[in-house]
Amino acid sequence: MKIRLGFVSNSSSSSFTCVICKEDVSGMDLGIDEAGMCECVNGHIFCQDHLTKQFTTHDKRQLVMKKMTDEEKEEVHAMNDEEFEEKWEENYKYEYEYNVPEAVCPICQFNEVCEVEGFYYLLVLNNMSVKSFLSEIKTTFKDYKGLKKYISKLYKHED
């Protein structure tokens, strides 16, 4: 089984893989929103269902206005919610699908773990390199099945 982390593109086909649940969505000219996913400012790609909170119109306004001049802020502030949501869809949504703030990213908030980052954290915590980690596994287990059996005995997934 192939696991791709993040965004993979080949010609006009795109694929997005959630680093939390491993859902993989592929398609021709597929955007991250169409895949039901988003990417945080730190590069974590995940299903929109995993957001720590959904964006309200107020949240969207606050995000957009952070990068605006005072004059632009007044214009956005003067819009009613329906007008703003139309403007969000037309002009702003795309930028924020790929730049979700840390505050709503479940990985940045430590509600979920990205396995790759978790692996490297544990290596550092145990003062190990990848090379020494592999060496220890090779001397401890005679084959991959032994490793899998050992792990499954000691660790049960929290599903």
N, C-alpha and C. Protein backbone atom coordinates (compact mmCIF):
# COMPACT_ATOMS: atom_id res chain seq x y z
N MET A 1 0.83 -1.17 0.00
CA MET A 1 0.00 0.00 0.00
C MET A 1 0.89 1.25 0.00
N LYS A 2 0.60 2.19 -0.89
CA LYS A 2 1.35 3.43 -0.97
C LYS A 2 0.67 4.48 -0.11
N ILE A 3 1.44 5.19 0.68
CA ILE A 3 0.90 6.30 1.45
C ILE A 3 1.62 7.55 1.00
N ARG A 4 0.84 8.50 0.52
CA ARG A 4 1.40 9.77 0.10
C ARG A 4 0.97 10.82 1.11
N LEU A 5 1.91 11.56 1.60
CA LEU A 5 1.59 12.62 2.55
C LEU A 5 1.53 13.93 1.81
N GLY A 6 0.45 14.68 2.05
CA GLY A 6 0.36 16.00 1.45
C GLY A 6 -0.19 15.98 0.05
N PHE A 7 0.30 16.87 -0.78
CA PHE A 7 -0.20 17.11 -2.12
C PHE A 7 0.70 16.44 -3.15
N VAL A 8 0.08 15.70 -4.07
CA VAL A 8 0.84 15.07 -5.14
C VAL A 8 0.16 15.45 -6.45
N SER A 9 0.94 15.88 -7.42
CA SER A 9 0.36 16.30 -8.69
C SER A 9 1.09 15.62 -9.84
N ASN A 10 0.33 15.20 -10.85
CA ASN A 10 0.89 14.62 -12.05
C ASN A 10 0.04 15.12 -13.20
N SER A 11 0.61 15.97 -14.05
CA SER A 11 -0.12 16.61 -15.13
C SER A 11 -1.29 17.37 -14.56
N SER A 12 -2.51 17.05 -15.04
CA SER A 12 -3.68 17.77 -14.56
C SER A 12 -4.44 16.96 -13.50
N SER A 13 -3.88 15.84 -13.09
CA SER A 13 -4.52 15.10 -12.02
C SER A 13 -3.89 15.51 -10.70
N SER A 14 -4.70 15.52 -9.66
CA SER A 14 -4.22 15.90 -8.33
C SER A 14 -4.67 14.88 -7.33
N SER A 15 -3.91 14.76 -6.26
CA SER A 15 -4.25 13.85 -5.18
C SER A 15 -3.93 14.52 -3.85
N PHE A 16 -4.85 14.41 -2.90
CA PHE A 16 -4.65 14.95 -1.57
C PHE A 16 -4.85 13.83 -0.57
N THR A 17 -3.95 13.73 0.41
CA THR A 17 -4.04 12.70 1.43
C THR A 17 -4.06 13.35 2.80
N CYS A 18 -5.06 13.02 3.58
CA CYS A 18 -5.18 13.55 4.93
C CYS A 18 -4.14 12.90 5.83
N VAL A 19 -3.33 13.72 6.52
CA VAL A 19 -2.30 13.18 7.39
C VAL A 19 -2.88 12.61 8.68
N ILE A 20 -4.17 12.81 8.92
CA ILE A 20 -4.80 12.30 10.14
C ILE A 20 -5.46 10.95 9.88
N CYS A 21 -6.41 10.91 8.96
CA CYS A 21 -7.16 9.67 8.72
C CYS A 21 -6.69 8.90 7.49
N LYS A 22 -5.76 9.47 6.74
CA LYS A 22 -5.17 8.86 5.54
C LYS A 22 -6.13 8.78 4.37
N GLU A 23 -7.29 9.47 4.44
CA GLU A 23 -8.19 9.49 3.29
C GLU A 23 -7.42 10.08 2.11
N ASP A 24 -7.59 9.46 0.95
CA ASP A 24 -6.90 9.89 -0.26
C ASP A 24 -7.95 10.24 -1.30
N VAL A 25 -7.91 11.46 -1.82
CA VAL A 25 -8.87 11.90 -2.83
C VAL A 25 -8.07 12.33 -4.05
N SER A 26 -8.42 11.76 -5.20
CA SER A 26 -7.73 12.06 -6.45
C SER A 26 -8.73 12.45 -7.51
N GLY A 27 -8.27 13.22 -8.49
CA GLY A 27 -9.13 13.57 -9.61
C GLY A 27 -8.44 14.52 -10.56
N MET A 28 -9.04 14.67 -11.70
CA MET A 28 -8.52 15.58 -12.71
C MET A 28 -8.87 17.01 -12.32
N ASP A 29 -7.88 17.89 -12.35
CA ASP A 29 -8.07 19.31 -12.01
C ASP A 29 -8.79 19.49 -10.68
N LEU A 30 -8.46 18.66 -9.72
CA LEU A 30 -9.10 18.68 -8.41
C LEU A 30 -8.43 19.71 -7.51
N GLY A 31 -9.23 20.59 -6.93
CA GLY A 31 -8.71 21.55 -5.96
C GLY A 31 -8.83 20.98 -4.56
N ILE A 32 -8.10 21.54 -3.64
CA ILE A 32 -8.10 21.04 -2.27
C ILE A 32 -9.49 21.12 -1.64
N ASP A 33 -10.24 22.19 -1.95
CA ASP A 33 -11.60 22.34 -1.41
C ASP A 33 -12.53 21.28 -1.98
N GLU A 34 -12.39 21.00 -3.27
CA GLU A 34 -13.22 19.98 -3.91
C GLU A 34 -12.93 18.59 -3.32
N ALA A 35 -11.71 18.41 -2.81
CA ALA A 35 -11.34 17.15 -2.17
C ALA A 35 -11.85 17.10 -0.73
N GLY A 36 -12.43 18.22 -0.26
CA GLY A 36 -12.93 18.27 1.12
C GLY A 36 -11.80 18.41 2.13
N MET A 37 -10.68 18.99 1.68
CA MET A 37 -9.51 19.12 2.54
C MET A 37 -9.03 20.57 2.58
N CYS A 38 -8.07 20.82 3.45
CA CYS A 38 -7.43 22.12 3.53
C CYS A 38 -5.99 21.92 4.01
N GLU A 39 -5.21 22.98 3.90
CA GLU A 39 -3.81 22.92 4.32
C GLU A 39 -3.55 24.08 5.26
N CYS A 40 -2.90 23.80 6.38
CA CYS A 40 -2.62 24.87 7.33
C CYS A 40 -1.35 25.62 6.93
N VAL A 41 -1.09 26.70 7.62
CA VAL A 41 0.08 27.53 7.32
C VAL A 41 1.39 26.77 7.52
N ASN A 42 1.36 25.65 8.25
CA ASN A 42 2.56 24.84 8.47
C ASN A 42 2.63 23.62 7.57
N GLY A 43 1.73 23.54 6.59
CA GLY A 43 1.81 22.48 5.59
C GLY A 43 1.08 21.19 5.91
N HIS A 44 0.29 21.14 6.98
CA HIS A 44 -0.49 19.94 7.29
C HIS A 44 -1.74 19.91 6.42
N ILE A 45 -1.91 18.85 5.66
CA ILE A 45 -3.11 18.69 4.83
C ILE A 45 -4.04 17.71 5.53
N PHE A 46 -5.31 18.11 5.68
CA PHE A 46 -6.26 17.27 6.40
C PHE A 46 -7.67 17.54 5.91
N CYS A 47 -8.56 16.58 6.19
CA CYS A 47 -9.98 16.73 5.83
C CYS A 47 -10.58 17.91 6.57
N GLN A 48 -11.46 18.64 5.92
CA GLN A 48 -12.10 19.78 6.56
C GLN A 48 -12.88 19.37 7.81
N ASP A 49 -13.33 18.12 7.86
CA ASP A 49 -14.05 17.62 9.04
C ASP A 49 -13.17 17.61 10.28
N HIS A 50 -11.86 17.62 10.11
CA HIS A 50 -10.93 17.58 11.24
C HIS A 50 -10.61 18.96 11.80
N LEU A 51 -11.07 20.03 11.16
CA LEU A 51 -10.82 21.37 11.68
C LEU A 51 -11.25 21.43 13.14
N THR A 52 -10.47 22.13 13.97
CA THR A 52 -10.84 22.21 15.39
C THR A 52 -12.12 23.02 15.57
N LYS A 53 -12.43 23.88 14.62
CA LYS A 53 -13.71 24.58 14.60
C LYS A 53 -13.97 25.03 13.17
N GLN A 54 -15.22 25.11 12.81
CA GLN A 54 -15.57 25.55 11.47
C GLN A 54 -15.51 27.07 11.41
N PHE A 55 -15.16 27.61 10.25
CA PHE A 55 -15.08 29.05 10.08
C PHE A 55 -16.47 29.66 10.03
N THR A 56 -16.72 30.59 10.91
CA THR A 56 -17.95 31.37 10.84
C THR A 56 -17.69 32.55 9.91
N THR A 57 -18.73 33.25 9.54
CA THR A 57 -18.55 34.44 8.72
C THR A 57 -17.66 35.44 9.46
N HIS A 58 -17.84 35.56 10.75
CA HIS A 58 -17.02 36.46 11.56
C HIS A 58 -15.53 36.06 11.48
N ASP A 59 -15.25 34.77 11.62
CA ASP A 59 -13.87 34.28 11.53
C ASP A 59 -13.26 34.63 10.17
N LYS A 60 -14.04 34.42 9.11
CA LYS A 60 -13.55 34.70 7.76
C LYS A 60 -13.24 36.18 7.61
N ARG A 61 -14.12 37.02 8.11
CA ARG A 61 -13.88 38.48 8.04
C ARG A 61 -12.58 38.84 8.75
N GLN A 62 -12.37 38.27 9.93
CA GLN A 62 -11.17 38.57 10.71
C GLN A 62 -9.90 38.15 9.95
N LEU A 63 -9.95 36.98 9.33
CA LEU A 63 -8.80 36.51 8.54
C LEU A 63 -8.49 37.46 7.39
N VAL A 64 -9.52 37.80 6.65
CA VAL A 64 -9.36 38.63 5.47
C VAL A 64 -8.86 40.02 5.85
N MET A 65 -9.41 40.58 6.91
CA MET A 65 -9.08 41.96 7.27
C MET A 65 -7.67 42.11 7.83
N LYS A 66 -7.04 41.02 8.26
CA LYS A 66 -5.67 41.10 8.78
C LYS A 66 -4.70 41.63 7.73
N LYS A 67 -4.99 41.36 6.47
CA LYS A 67 -4.06 41.74 5.39
C LYS A 67 -4.51 42.98 4.62
N MET A 68 -5.49 43.71 5.15
CA MET A 68 -6.07 44.81 4.39
C MET A 68 -5.65 46.17 4.92
N THR A 69 -5.78 47.15 4.02
CA THR A 69 -5.59 48.54 4.43
C THR A 69 -6.84 48.96 5.19
N ASP A 70 -6.77 50.10 5.86
CA ASP A 70 -7.92 50.60 6.61
C ASP A 70 -9.13 50.81 5.71
N GLU A 71 -8.88 51.31 4.51
CA GLU A 71 -9.97 51.56 3.57
C GLU A 71 -10.65 50.25 3.15
N GLU A 72 -9.85 49.23 2.87
CA GLU A 72 -10.40 47.92 2.49
C GLU A 72 -11.17 47.31 3.66
N LYS A 73 -10.65 47.49 4.87
CA LYS A 73 -11.33 46.95 6.06
C LYS A 73 -12.71 47.57 6.22
N GLU A 74 -12.81 48.88 5.99
CA GLU A 74 -14.11 49.56 6.09
C GLU A 74 -15.10 48.98 5.09
N GLU A 75 -14.62 48.71 3.88
CA GLU A 75 -15.48 48.14 2.84
C GLU A 75 -16.01 46.76 3.26
N VAL A 76 -15.13 45.91 3.77
CA VAL A 76 -15.53 44.57 4.21
C VAL A 76 -16.47 44.66 5.41
N HIS A 77 -16.16 45.56 6.32
CA HIS A 77 -16.98 45.73 7.52
C HIS A 77 -18.40 46.19 7.18
N ALA A 78 -18.52 46.98 6.10
CA ALA A 78 -19.82 47.52 5.70
C ALA A 78 -20.72 46.47 5.01
N MET A 79 -20.14 45.37 4.56
CA MET A 79 -20.94 44.33 3.87
C MET A 79 -21.78 43.56 4.88
N ASN A 80 -22.99 43.19 4.43
CA ASN A 80 -23.76 42.27 5.28
C ASN A 80 -23.20 40.86 5.08
N ASP A 81 -23.65 39.91 5.89
CA ASP A 81 -23.06 38.56 5.85
C ASP A 81 -23.20 37.91 4.48
N GLU A 82 -24.34 38.08 3.85
CA GLU A 82 -24.55 37.46 2.53
C GLU A 82 -23.59 38.03 1.50
N GLU A 83 -23.43 39.36 1.49
CA GLU A 83 -22.49 39.99 0.55
C GLU A 83 -21.06 39.53 0.82
N PHE A 84 -20.70 39.46 2.09
CA PHE A 84 -19.35 39.03 2.42
C PHE A 84 -19.11 37.59 1.99
N GLU A 85 -20.07 36.69 2.24
CA GLU A 85 -19.90 35.28 1.85
C GLU A 85 -19.73 35.15 0.34
N GLU A 86 -20.44 35.96 -0.44
CA GLU A 86 -20.26 35.95 -1.89
C GLU A 86 -18.83 36.39 -2.25
N LYS A 87 -18.37 37.46 -1.61
CA LYS A 87 -17.02 37.97 -1.85
C LYS A 87 -15.98 36.94 -1.41
N TRP A 88 -16.24 36.25 -0.29
CA TRP A 88 -15.34 35.20 0.21
C TRP A 88 -15.18 34.12 -0.86
N GLU A 89 -16.31 33.63 -1.38
CA GLU A 89 -16.28 32.57 -2.39
C GLU A 89 -15.53 33.01 -3.64
N GLU A 90 -15.76 34.24 -4.08
CA GLU A 90 -15.16 34.74 -5.32
C GLU A 90 -13.68 35.11 -5.17
N ASN A 91 -13.31 35.73 -4.06
CA ASN A 91 -11.99 36.35 -3.97
C ASN A 91 -11.04 35.81 -2.91
N TYR A 92 -11.55 35.32 -1.80
CA TYR A 92 -10.68 35.02 -0.68
C TYR A 92 -10.52 33.54 -0.35
N LYS A 93 -11.55 32.77 -0.62
CA LYS A 93 -11.58 31.38 -0.17
C LYS A 93 -10.34 30.59 -0.58
N TYR A 94 -9.96 30.72 -1.83
CA TYR A 94 -8.83 29.93 -2.36
C TYR A 94 -7.58 30.13 -1.52
N GLU A 95 -7.26 31.39 -1.20
CA GLU A 95 -6.04 31.68 -0.43
C GLU A 95 -6.07 31.00 0.93
N TYR A 96 -7.22 30.96 1.58
CA TYR A 96 -7.29 30.42 2.93
C TYR A 96 -7.46 28.90 2.97
N GLU A 97 -7.82 28.28 1.86
CA GLU A 97 -7.86 26.82 1.81
C GLU A 97 -6.46 26.25 1.94
N TYR A 98 -5.48 27.01 1.49
CA TYR A 98 -4.09 26.59 1.54
C TYR A 98 -3.31 27.28 2.67
N ASN A 99 -3.98 28.08 3.47
CA ASN A 99 -3.33 28.81 4.55
C ASN A 99 -4.21 28.86 5.79
N VAL A 100 -4.77 27.73 6.17
CA VAL A 100 -5.63 27.67 7.35
C VAL A 100 -4.77 28.05 8.57
N PRO A 101 -5.26 28.91 9.44
CA PRO A 101 -4.47 29.32 10.61
C PRO A 101 -4.19 28.16 11.57
N GLU A 102 -3.08 28.25 12.29
CA GLU A 102 -2.71 27.24 13.29
C GLU A 102 -3.84 27.00 14.29
N ALA A 103 -4.57 28.05 14.61
CA ALA A 103 -5.60 27.97 15.66
C ALA A 103 -6.70 26.96 15.34
N VAL A 104 -6.88 26.61 14.07
CA VAL A 104 -7.92 25.64 13.71
C VAL A 104 -7.35 24.34 13.13
N CYS A 105 -6.02 24.23 13.11
CA CYS A 105 -5.38 23.00 12.62
C CYS A 105 -5.27 22.01 13.78
N PRO A 106 -5.86 20.83 13.64
CA PRO A 106 -5.82 19.86 14.74
C PRO A 106 -4.41 19.35 15.06
N ILE A 107 -3.51 19.42 14.12
CA ILE A 107 -2.14 18.97 14.37
C ILE A 107 -1.37 20.07 15.10
N CYS A 108 -1.47 21.30 14.61
CA CYS A 108 -0.80 22.42 15.27
C CYS A 108 -1.31 22.63 16.70
N GLN A 109 -2.57 22.25 16.95
CA GLN A 109 -3.15 22.39 18.29
C GLN A 109 -2.90 21.15 19.15
N PHE A 110 -2.17 20.18 18.61
CA PHE A 110 -1.84 18.93 19.31
C PHE A 110 -3.07 18.12 19.72
N ASN A 111 -4.13 18.21 18.91
CA ASN A 111 -5.30 17.36 19.10
C ASN A 111 -5.15 16.05 18.33
N GLU A 112 -4.32 16.08 17.30
CA GLU A 112 -4.01 14.93 16.46
C GLU A 112 -2.51 14.92 16.23
N VAL A 113 -2.02 13.80 15.73
CA VAL A 113 -0.58 13.72 15.47
C VAL A 113 -0.34 13.38 14.00
N CYS A 114 0.65 14.04 13.44
CA CYS A 114 1.15 13.67 12.12
C CYS A 114 2.20 12.61 12.39
N GLU A 115 2.02 11.41 11.86
CA GLU A 115 2.90 10.29 12.20
C GLU A 115 4.36 10.57 11.90
N VAL A 116 4.64 11.26 10.82
CA VAL A 116 6.03 11.55 10.46
C VAL A 116 6.66 12.46 11.52
N GLU A 117 5.97 13.53 11.87
CA GLU A 117 6.51 14.44 12.90
C GLU A 117 6.59 13.73 14.25
N GLY A 118 5.59 12.91 14.56
CA GLY A 118 5.61 12.15 15.81
C GLY A 118 6.80 11.20 15.87
N PHE A 119 7.09 10.54 14.76
CA PHE A 119 8.23 9.63 14.69
C PHE A 119 9.53 10.37 14.98
N TYR A 120 9.73 11.51 14.32
CA TYR A 120 10.97 12.26 14.54
C TYR A 120 11.04 12.83 15.95
N TYR A 121 9.91 13.21 16.51
CA TYR A 121 9.90 13.68 17.90
C TYR A 121 10.38 12.57 18.83
N LEU A 122 9.87 11.36 18.62
CA LEU A 122 10.28 10.24 19.47
C LEU A 122 11.76 9.90 19.30
N LEU A 123 12.26 10.02 18.07
CA LEU A 123 13.70 9.80 17.86
C LEU A 123 14.51 10.80 18.68
N VAL A 124 14.16 12.07 18.59
CA VAL A 124 14.87 13.11 19.33
C VAL A 124 14.74 12.87 20.83
N LEU A 125 13.54 12.56 21.28
CA LEU A 125 13.30 12.32 22.69
C LEU A 125 14.17 11.19 23.23
N ASN A 126 14.40 10.18 22.39
CA ASN A 126 15.21 9.02 22.79
C ASN A 126 16.66 9.13 22.32
N ASN A 127 17.04 10.32 21.86
CA ASN A 127 18.41 10.57 21.42
C ASN A 127 18.88 9.53 20.40
N MET A 128 18.05 9.30 19.39
CA MET A 128 18.36 8.31 18.35
C MET A 128 18.35 8.94 16.98
N SER A 129 19.14 8.39 16.09
CA SER A 129 19.08 8.75 14.68
C SER A 129 18.24 7.69 13.98
N VAL A 130 17.86 7.95 12.76
CA VAL A 130 17.13 6.94 11.99
C VAL A 130 17.99 5.70 11.84
N LYS A 131 19.28 5.90 11.60
CA LYS A 131 20.22 4.79 11.43
C LYS A 131 20.27 3.92 12.69
N SER A 132 20.39 4.54 13.87
CA SER A 132 20.45 3.75 15.11
C SER A 132 19.10 3.08 15.41
N PHE A 133 18.02 3.75 15.04
CA PHE A 133 16.68 3.17 15.19
C PHE A 133 16.56 1.89 14.36
N LEU A 134 16.96 1.97 13.11
CA LEU A 134 16.89 0.80 12.23
C LEU A 134 17.81 -0.33 12.72
N SER A 135 18.97 0.05 13.20
CA SER A 135 19.90 -0.94 13.72
C SER A 135 19.30 -1.69 14.91
N GLU A 136 18.65 -0.94 15.80
CA GLU A 136 18.01 -1.58 16.96
C GLU A 136 16.90 -2.53 16.53
N ILE A 137 16.10 -2.13 15.56
CA ILE A 137 15.03 -3.00 15.07
C ILE A 137 15.62 -4.28 14.46
N LYS A 138 16.67 -4.12 13.67
CA LYS A 138 17.29 -5.29 13.03
C LYS A 138 17.86 -6.28 14.04
N THR A 139 18.40 -5.77 15.13
CA THR A 139 18.97 -6.68 16.12
C THR A 139 17.90 -7.26 17.05
N THR A 140 16.78 -6.59 17.19
CA THR A 140 15.72 -7.05 18.09
C THR A 140 14.77 -8.04 17.42
N PHE A 141 14.49 -7.86 16.14
CA PHE A 141 13.51 -8.69 15.44
C PHE A 141 14.16 -9.39 14.25
N LYS A 142 13.77 -10.66 14.06
CA LYS A 142 14.38 -11.37 12.93
C LYS A 142 13.68 -11.07 11.62
N ASP A 143 12.40 -10.61 11.69
CA ASP A 143 11.69 -10.25 10.47
C ASP A 143 10.59 -9.21 10.78
N TYR A 144 10.00 -8.71 9.72
CA TYR A 144 8.97 -7.67 9.83
C TYR A 144 7.74 -8.17 10.59
N LYS A 145 7.36 -9.42 10.36
CA LYS A 145 6.21 -9.99 11.07
C LYS A 145 6.40 -9.94 12.59
N GLY A 146 7.61 -10.20 13.02
CA GLY A 146 7.92 -10.14 14.46
C GLY A 146 7.72 -8.74 15.02
N LEU A 147 8.17 -7.75 14.27
CA LEU A 147 7.98 -6.36 14.68
C LEU A 147 6.49 -6.03 14.77
N LYS A 148 5.74 -6.38 13.74
CA LYS A 148 4.30 -6.10 13.71
C LYS A 148 3.58 -6.78 14.88
N LYS A 149 3.95 -8.02 15.16
CA LYS A 149 3.33 -8.76 16.26
C LYS A 149 3.63 -8.07 17.60
N TYR A 150 4.86 -7.67 17.78
CA TYR A 150 5.28 -6.99 19.01
C TYR A 150 4.50 -5.69 19.20
N ILE A 151 4.41 -4.90 18.13
CA ILE A 151 3.69 -3.63 18.19
C ILE A 151 2.21 -3.86 18.49
N SER A 152 1.59 -4.82 17.79
CA SER A 152 0.15 -5.03 17.98
C SER A 152 -0.16 -5.54 19.39
N LYS A 153 0.77 -6.25 20.01
CA LYS A 153 0.59 -6.72 21.39
C LYS A 153 0.59 -5.55 22.38
N LEU A 154 1.49 -4.62 22.15
CA LEU A 154 1.69 -3.54 23.10
C LEU A 154 0.85 -2.28 22.83
N TYR A 155 0.48 -2.09 21.58
CA TYR A 155 -0.19 -0.86 21.21
C TYR A 155 -1.51 -1.15 20.52
N LYS A 156 -2.58 -0.66 21.07
CA LYS A 156 -3.89 -0.78 20.44
C LYS A 156 -4.30 0.61 19.97
N HIS A 157 -4.69 0.73 18.70
CA HIS A 157 -5.11 2.03 18.15
C HIS A 157 -6.33 2.54 18.88
N GLU A 158 -6.38 3.85 19.07
CA GLU A 158 -7.52 4.51 19.73
C GLU A 158 -8.52 4.92 18.67
N ASP A 159 -9.33 4.01 18.20
CA ASP A 159 -10.30 4.37 17.13
C ASP A 159 -11.67 4.59 17.66
